[in-house]
Amino acid sequence: MAEPEIVMQLPGMYFPMPWRTHRKVDLLEKQGLGFMERHGLCQGPGRRERVANTRSALFFAGNCPEADVERLQMAVDWTYLMFVFDDFVCDEEAPEDAFSFLDLAVRIIRTLESPTASLLPPDNPFTGPVIDLAERLHSLATPTQRRRLVDAHLSWYLGVAWERAARRRQLTPTLNDYLYTRLLYVAGFPTIAWFQVSQPDDIPDTQINSPAVHALTEMAGMVAALDDDLFSYGKELWHASRHPPTTGPLLNLVDLYQSYDPCSREEAQRSVVALRDRILARFTEVRDLLLPGAAPPLRRYLSDLTCLIRGNYEWGIGAGRYTNPDGRHPGAVKVTGTVTDRPSALGPPEDIPCIGWWWQDMPGLD
């Protein structure tokens, strides 16, 4: 039987910034795939193609176009590895029991803190590459950068634990609940923590933890998360057609909008785009207020957050991860979209209080 093709035509999406990529993207890809091959994660039918199709080097080359190559290579290698981790430990191919994920997660966190902790099982496929990354991290990153990266993993794994439990219960979360937990399990915080590792200078705590910078960090992560919901919806529909849930919507904002206010898929997509446009417009406003007084490390960080938003789109709109849902059906899903220079909506959303503080007055923005 021929595989059905799911076509996802996305509404025009607001991007006030150009797409930039690191000039060493080809080298980053070559070395990243070499890292995965050395650790045996490209073995098996179609496995190398599936790893390559994540386009992890392009993803981080678009996030940190000015980064130090050796430091950025760690982030690229981590991304290749974590997409495999996501598939086989967190997502559709993961074991059902909660303990298997949590047990591996806490061991990875401690290994990032201490590469010689000897907590990862010798026969686990993630042991070698995680220790490799942890050793390089301790060689190149500052203690502050390492601490922030580890803490970001804690947030991510907490979110994944919620996601796994929610999927098992076939939960229909409120929009407010969904958006906050999505911000956690999308892996945005560890991704953004690598931005700091990719540069040699620390950003002081007083700056990185200020309300305005924290808001910008969350806003950039949320825009990327909502865009990922748009990219991945076709993939989720494809999996659901083969393993349909007995009750409840898919854990995706497009499906949740259709669940709470019955509407077409196209109308739900426009609602998601309107929300992410509101957030991106506020991100641009707050960033532009901060930039004039920002020291070079913070200025570079704000630049990388900006690049993440456009880079994530350019990466995701054509990633095989979304168009080849299980690595064995290339072209099963088609995703297309357009870019616009005007937001479709402005101002804070009235029904999502968990992110409403982004539009409030913040110290330092006078």
Protein backbone atom coordinates (compact mmCIF):
# COMPACT_ATOMS: atom_id res chain seq x y z
CA MET A 1 0.00 0.00 0.00
CA ALA A 2 1.34 3.38 -0.98
CA GLU A 3 2.16 5.68 1.91
CA PRO A 4 -0.21 8.65 2.17
CA GLU A 5 1.44 12.04 1.82
CA ILE A 6 0.56 14.66 4.41
CA VAL A 7 0.98 18.18 3.10
CA MET A 8 1.47 20.97 5.64
CA GLN A 9 1.16 24.45 4.07
CA LEU A 10 2.03 26.88 6.85
CA PRO A 11 0.68 30.44 6.99
CA GLY A 12 3.07 33.33 6.45
CA MET A 13 5.32 33.70 9.49
CA TYR A 14 6.86 36.93 10.76
CA PHE A 15 10.67 37.20 10.70
CA PRO A 16 12.25 40.65 11.11
CA MET A 17 15.79 39.23 10.86
CA PRO A 18 17.81 37.65 8.00
CA TRP A 19 19.11 34.10 8.01
CA ARG A 20 22.82 33.85 8.79
CA THR A 21 24.99 30.72 8.98
CA HIS A 22 28.47 29.93 10.23
CA ARG A 23 31.03 29.88 7.44
CA LYS A 24 32.36 26.51 8.69
CA VAL A 25 29.02 24.70 8.48
CA ASP A 26 30.41 21.98 6.17
CA LEU A 27 33.28 21.25 8.55
CA LEU A 28 30.89 21.20 11.52
CA GLU A 29 28.72 18.66 9.70
CA LYS A 30 31.64 16.45 8.68
CA GLN A 31 33.06 16.37 12.19
CA GLY A 32 29.63 15.94 13.78
CA LEU A 33 28.82 12.91 11.67
CA GLY A 34 32.31 11.58 12.40
CA PHE A 35 31.58 11.91 16.13
CA MET A 36 28.39 9.86 15.74
CA GLU A 37 30.14 7.22 13.62
CA ARG A 38 33.01 6.85 16.10
CA HIS A 39 30.53 6.08 18.84
CA GLY A 40 28.56 3.55 16.77
CA LEU A 41 25.40 5.62 16.44
CA CYS A 42 25.28 5.42 12.64
CA GLN A 43 25.16 1.63 12.50
CA GLY A 44 22.16 -0.25 11.17
CA PRO A 45 19.91 0.07 8.11
CA GLY A 46 19.18 3.69 7.34
CA ARG A 47 20.69 4.88 10.61
CA ARG A 48 23.39 7.13 9.13
CA GLU A 49 20.87 8.72 6.79
CA ARG A 50 18.50 9.35 9.67
CA VAL A 51 21.26 10.97 11.73
CA ALA A 52 22.42 13.07 8.77
CA ASN A 53 18.84 14.13 8.01
CA THR A 54 18.58 15.88 11.36
CA ARG A 55 20.88 18.52 9.81
CA SER A 56 22.20 19.29 13.27
CA ALA A 57 25.21 21.20 11.95
CA LEU A 58 22.97 23.51 9.95
CA PHE A 59 20.81 24.02 13.04
CA PHE A 60 23.64 25.31 15.22
CA ALA A 61 25.45 27.05 12.37
CA GLY A 62 22.32 29.17 12.05
CA ASN A 63 22.13 29.78 15.80
CA CYS A 64 25.71 30.91 16.42
CA PRO A 65 27.14 32.18 13.13
CA GLU A 66 30.10 33.95 14.82
CA ALA A 67 31.04 31.26 17.35
CA ASP A 68 34.44 29.70 17.99
CA VAL A 69 34.55 26.54 15.85
CA GLU A 70 35.98 24.16 18.47
CA ARG A 71 33.41 25.23 21.05
CA LEU A 72 30.55 25.19 18.56
CA GLN A 73 31.51 21.68 17.50
CA MET A 74 30.55 20.47 20.97
CA ALA A 75 27.08 21.96 20.52
CA VAL A 76 26.73 20.38 17.06
CA ASP A 77 27.81 16.97 18.37
CA TRP A 78 25.39 17.31 21.30
CA THR A 79 22.56 18.10 18.88
CA TYR A 80 23.22 15.05 16.70
CA LEU A 81 23.37 12.91 19.86
CA MET A 82 20.30 14.41 21.53
CA PHE A 83 18.10 13.88 18.47
CA VAL A 84 18.89 10.16 18.74
CA PHE A 85 18.33 10.38 22.51
CA ASP A 86 14.99 12.10 21.90
CA ASP A 87 13.82 9.42 19.48
CA PHE A 88 14.83 6.38 21.50
CA VAL A 89 14.56 7.58 25.10
CA CYS A 90 12.03 10.44 25.11
CA ASP A 91 9.75 10.11 22.12
CA GLU A 92 7.92 7.75 19.80
CA GLU A 93 10.38 4.85 19.97
CA ALA A 94 11.05 5.15 23.71
CA PRO A 95 10.27 2.45 26.31
CA GLU A 96 6.95 2.90 28.11
CA ASP A 97 8.24 2.71 31.69
CA ALA A 98 9.07 6.03 33.35
CA PHE A 99 12.09 4.69 35.23
CA SER A 100 14.16 3.88 32.12
CA PHE A 101 14.14 7.53 31.05
CA LEU A 102 14.66 9.05 34.50
CA ASP A 103 17.45 6.62 35.37
CA LEU A 104 19.41 7.48 32.23
CA ALA A 105 18.68 11.20 32.56
CA VAL A 106 20.08 11.56 36.08
CA ARG A 107 23.18 9.59 35.07
CA ILE A 108 23.78 11.88 32.07
CA ILE A 109 23.41 14.98 34.25
CA ARG A 110 25.98 13.77 36.76
CA THR A 111 28.35 12.76 33.97
CA LEU A 112 28.18 16.28 32.53
CA GLU A 113 29.09 17.54 36.00
CA SER A 114 31.81 14.92 36.52
CA PRO A 115 33.05 12.91 33.50
CA THR A 116 34.66 10.33 35.82
CA ALA A 117 31.46 9.64 37.79
CA SER A 118 31.22 6.08 36.34
CA LEU A 119 27.42 6.13 36.46
CA LEU A 120 26.61 5.33 32.84
CA PRO A 121 26.41 1.58 32.01
CA PRO A 122 29.28 0.39 29.79
CA ASP A 123 26.88 -1.23 27.32
CA ASN A 124 24.61 1.79 26.93
CA PRO A 125 24.99 3.39 23.46
CA PHE A 126 24.97 6.90 24.99
CA THR A 127 27.78 6.25 27.48
CA GLY A 128 30.75 6.82 25.15
CA PRO A 129 29.49 9.98 23.42
CA VAL A 130 28.22 11.59 26.64
CA ILE A 131 31.57 11.05 28.40
CA ASP A 132 33.37 12.34 25.30
CA LEU A 133 31.28 15.53 25.36
CA ALA A 134 31.64 15.92 29.12
CA GLU A 135 35.44 15.71 28.91
CA ARG A 136 35.56 18.32 26.15
CA LEU A 137 33.15 20.51 28.09
CA HIS A 138 35.42 20.44 31.15
CA SER A 139 38.42 21.21 28.97
CA LEU A 140 36.96 24.20 27.11
CA ALA A 141 34.07 25.71 29.10
CA THR A 142 34.24 27.85 32.21
CA PRO A 143 32.76 26.56 35.51
CA THR A 144 29.92 29.07 35.12
CA GLN A 145 29.11 27.84 31.60
CA ARG A 146 29.16 24.22 32.75
CA ARG A 147 26.86 24.95 35.68
CA ARG A 148 24.34 26.73 33.49
CA LEU A 149 24.40 23.91 30.94
CA VAL A 150 23.80 21.26 33.60
CA ASP A 151 20.94 23.26 35.15
CA ALA A 152 19.40 23.64 31.69
CA HIS A 153 19.44 19.85 31.27
CA LEU A 154 17.57 19.52 34.56
CA SER A 155 14.81 21.78 33.22
CA TRP A 156 14.67 19.85 29.94
CA TYR A 157 14.47 16.41 31.57
CA LEU A 158 11.81 17.61 34.01
CA GLY A 159 9.76 18.73 31.02
CA VAL A 160 10.29 15.43 29.20
CA ALA A 161 9.14 13.51 32.29
CA TRP A 162 5.93 15.59 32.24
CA GLU A 163 5.48 15.06 28.50
CA ARG A 164 5.88 11.29 28.75
CA ALA A 165 3.38 11.09 31.61
CA ALA A 166 0.94 13.37 29.78
CA ARG A 167 1.08 11.23 26.64
CA ARG A 168 0.50 8.03 28.62
CA ARG A 169 -2.53 9.60 30.32
CA GLN A 170 -3.71 11.05 27.00
CA LEU A 171 -3.98 14.35 28.80
CA THR A 172 -5.64 17.40 27.29
CA PRO A 173 -3.76 20.26 29.01
CA THR A 174 -5.00 23.82 29.09
CA LEU A 175 -3.25 26.18 26.70
CA ASN A 176 -1.61 27.84 29.71
CA ASP A 177 -0.31 24.51 31.08
CA TYR A 178 0.80 23.32 27.68
CA LEU A 179 2.82 26.39 26.79
CA TYR A 180 4.83 26.44 30.01
CA THR A 181 5.66 22.73 29.88
CA ARG A 182 6.39 22.95 26.14
CA LEU A 183 8.97 25.59 26.96
CA LEU A 184 10.68 22.98 29.14
CA TYR A 185 10.56 19.81 27.06
CA VAL A 186 11.39 21.42 23.70
CA ALA A 187 15.05 21.39 24.90
CA GLY A 188 15.34 25.12 24.31
CA PHE A 189 17.12 25.86 27.57
CA PRO A 190 20.07 23.47 27.03
CA THR A 191 20.26 24.57 23.39
CA ILE A 192 20.53 28.20 24.48
CA ALA A 193 23.00 27.32 27.25
CA TRP A 194 25.32 26.07 24.49
CA PHE A 195 25.26 29.61 23.07
CA GLN A 196 27.20 30.72 26.13
CA VAL A 197 29.58 27.74 25.95
CA SER A 198 30.31 28.54 22.30
CA GLN A 199 32.02 31.80 23.31
CA PRO A 200 34.97 32.22 25.71
CA ASP A 201 33.65 35.00 27.96
CA ASP A 202 31.10 34.55 30.74
CA ILE A 203 28.01 36.70 30.95
CA PRO A 204 27.73 37.95 34.56
CA ASP A 205 24.88 36.55 36.67
CA THR A 206 23.45 40.02 37.16
CA GLN A 207 22.97 40.30 33.40
CA ILE A 208 21.91 36.78 32.37
CA ASN A 209 19.45 36.56 35.27
CA SER A 210 17.99 40.05 34.86
CA PRO A 211 14.23 40.04 34.12
CA ALA A 212 14.69 41.46 30.62
CA VAL A 213 17.38 38.96 29.54
CA HIS A 214 15.51 36.07 31.14
CA ALA A 215 12.37 37.13 29.27
CA LEU A 216 14.28 37.30 25.99
CA THR A 217 15.70 33.82 26.61
CA GLU A 218 12.22 32.42 27.23
CA MET A 219 10.68 34.29 24.29
CA ALA A 220 13.28 33.01 21.83
CA GLY A 221 12.79 29.47 23.13
CA MET A 222 9.01 29.78 22.91
CA VAL A 223 9.01 31.05 19.33
CA ALA A 224 11.23 28.11 18.37
CA ALA A 225 8.93 25.71 20.25
CA LEU A 226 5.81 27.00 18.51
CA ASP A 227 7.53 26.82 15.14
CA ASP A 228 8.51 23.24 15.95
CA ASP A 229 4.85 22.46 16.68
CA LEU A 230 4.00 23.75 13.21
CA PHE A 231 6.82 21.77 11.54
CA SER A 232 6.19 18.56 13.47
CA TYR A 233 2.39 18.43 13.26
CA GLY A 234 2.44 16.50 10.00
CA LYS A 235 4.87 13.99 11.48
CA GLU A 236 2.60 13.53 14.51
CA LEU A 237 -0.44 13.05 12.27
CA TRP A 238 1.53 10.47 10.30
CA HIS A 239 2.39 8.50 13.46
CA ALA A 240 -1.15 8.85 14.79
CA SER A 241 -2.57 7.37 11.59
CA ARG A 242 -0.60 4.19 12.34
CA HIS A 243 -0.96 4.15 16.11
CA PRO A 244 -4.07 6.24 16.84
CA PRO A 245 -4.56 7.45 20.42
CA THR A 246 -7.75 6.15 22.02
CA THR A 247 -8.75 9.55 23.43
CA GLY A 248 -7.53 13.12 23.57
CA PRO A 249 -5.76 15.36 21.08
CA LEU A 250 -2.14 15.15 20.04
CA LEU A 251 0.24 16.99 22.35
CA ASN A 252 0.71 19.79 19.83
CA LEU A 253 -0.62 23.34 19.93
CA VAL A 254 -2.28 23.01 16.51
CA ASP A 255 -4.32 20.07 17.76
CA LEU A 256 -5.08 21.74 21.10
CA TYR A 257 -6.51 24.82 19.38
CA GLN A 258 -8.78 22.52 17.38
CA SER A 259 -9.79 20.72 20.56
CA TYR A 260 -10.72 23.77 22.63
CA ASP A 261 -12.37 25.82 19.89
CA PRO A 262 -13.45 23.49 17.07
CA CYS A 263 -11.98 24.84 13.86
CA SER A 264 -10.14 23.71 10.76
CA ARG A 265 -6.49 22.79 10.74
CA GLU A 266 -5.74 25.95 8.75
CA GLU A 267 -7.50 28.14 11.32
CA ALA A 268 -5.61 26.45 14.17
CA GLN A 269 -2.32 27.00 12.35
CA ARG A 270 -3.16 30.69 11.97
CA SER A 271 -3.83 30.88 15.72
CA VAL A 272 -0.41 29.38 16.46
CA VAL A 273 1.25 31.79 14.03
CA ALA A 274 -0.57 34.77 15.57
CA LEU A 275 0.70 33.77 19.03
CA ARG A 276 4.31 33.31 17.92
CA ASP A 277 4.15 36.62 16.00
CA ARG A 278 3.01 38.43 19.16
CA ILE A 279 5.92 36.93 21.09
CA LEU A 280 8.47 37.69 18.39
CA ALA A 281 7.32 41.30 18.12
CA ARG A 282 7.77 41.71 21.89
CA PHE A 283 11.16 39.96 21.73
CA THR A 284 12.34 42.46 19.12
CA GLU A 285 11.08 45.39 21.20
CA VAL A 286 12.82 44.29 24.42
CA ARG A 287 16.03 43.29 22.64
CA ASP A 288 16.30 46.67 20.90
CA LEU A 289 15.95 48.43 24.25
CA LEU A 290 18.77 46.36 25.76
CA LEU A 291 21.28 46.36 22.91
CA PRO A 292 22.63 49.94 23.20
CA GLY A 293 23.98 49.36 26.73
CA ALA A 294 24.97 45.70 26.37
CA ALA A 295 28.59 44.65 26.92
CA PRO A 296 30.13 42.45 24.18
CA PRO A 297 29.36 39.03 25.77
CA LEU A 298 25.70 39.96 26.33
CA ARG A 299 25.44 41.59 22.91
CA ARG A 300 26.70 38.38 21.31
CA TYR A 301 24.19 36.35 23.33
CA LEU A 302 21.31 38.57 22.21
CA SER A 303 22.52 38.18 18.63
CA ASP A 304 22.50 34.39 18.98
CA LEU A 305 18.97 34.42 20.42
CA THR A 306 17.90 36.43 17.38
CA CYS A 307 19.67 34.01 15.04
CA LEU A 308 18.00 31.05 16.76
CA ILE A 309 14.55 32.29 15.78
CA ARG A 310 15.30 32.53 12.05
CA GLY A 311 17.81 29.68 12.00
CA ASN A 312 15.35 27.27 13.62
CA TYR A 313 12.82 28.07 10.88
CA GLU A 314 15.25 27.62 8.00
CA TRP A 315 16.44 24.37 9.55
CA GLY A 316 13.02 22.97 10.44
CA ILE A 317 11.10 23.78 7.27
CA GLY A 318 13.13 21.20 5.36
CA ALA A 319 14.46 18.84 8.06
CA GLY A 320 14.12 15.16 7.22
CA ARG A 321 13.22 14.68 10.87
CA TYR A 322 9.78 16.06 9.99
CA THR A 323 9.38 14.97 6.36
CA ASN A 324 10.63 11.39 6.94
CA PRO A 325 8.78 10.57 10.17
CA ASP A 326 10.39 7.25 11.08
CA GLY A 327 13.51 7.39 8.94
CA ARG A 328 12.10 4.85 6.50
CA HIS A 329 9.51 6.90 4.60
CA PRO A 330 11.19 9.86 2.92
CA GLY A 331 8.69 12.37 1.59
CA ALA A 332 5.79 11.00 3.61
CA VAL A 333 5.23 14.52 4.94
CA LYS A 334 5.72 17.75 3.00
CA VAL A 335 6.08 21.07 4.83
CA THR A 336 6.08 24.42 3.05
CA GLY A 337 5.86 27.99 4.31
CA THR A 338 6.45 31.65 3.58
CA VAL A 339 8.12 34.51 5.45
CA THR A 340 6.65 37.96 6.02
CA ASP A 341 8.09 41.14 7.51
CA ARG A 342 4.91 42.09 9.40
CA PRO A 343 3.44 40.34 12.45
CA SER A 344 -0.10 39.01 12.12
CA ALA A 345 -0.90 40.08 15.70
CA LEU A 346 0.54 42.30 18.44
CA GLY A 347 0.25 42.61 22.22
CA PRO A 348 -0.01 40.09 25.05
CA PRO A 349 -2.37 37.12 24.66
CA GLU A 350 -5.25 37.46 27.11
CA ASP A 351 -5.76 33.75 27.80
CA ILE A 352 -2.16 32.66 28.57
CA PRO A 353 -1.07 34.21 31.89
CA CYS A 354 2.04 32.03 32.26
CA ILE A 355 3.80 34.19 29.66
CA GLY A 356 2.02 37.47 30.34
CA TRP A 357 4.93 38.87 32.37
CA TRP A 358 6.95 39.26 29.16
CA TRP A 359 4.83 42.31 28.36
CA GLN A 360 5.13 43.88 31.82
CA ASP A 361 7.52 46.69 32.76
CA MET A 362 10.99 45.35 33.57
CA PRO A 363 13.89 46.95 35.43
CA GLY A 364 16.47 48.38 33.05
CA LEU A 365 14.05 49.02 30.21
CA ASP A 366 13.22 52.61 31.12
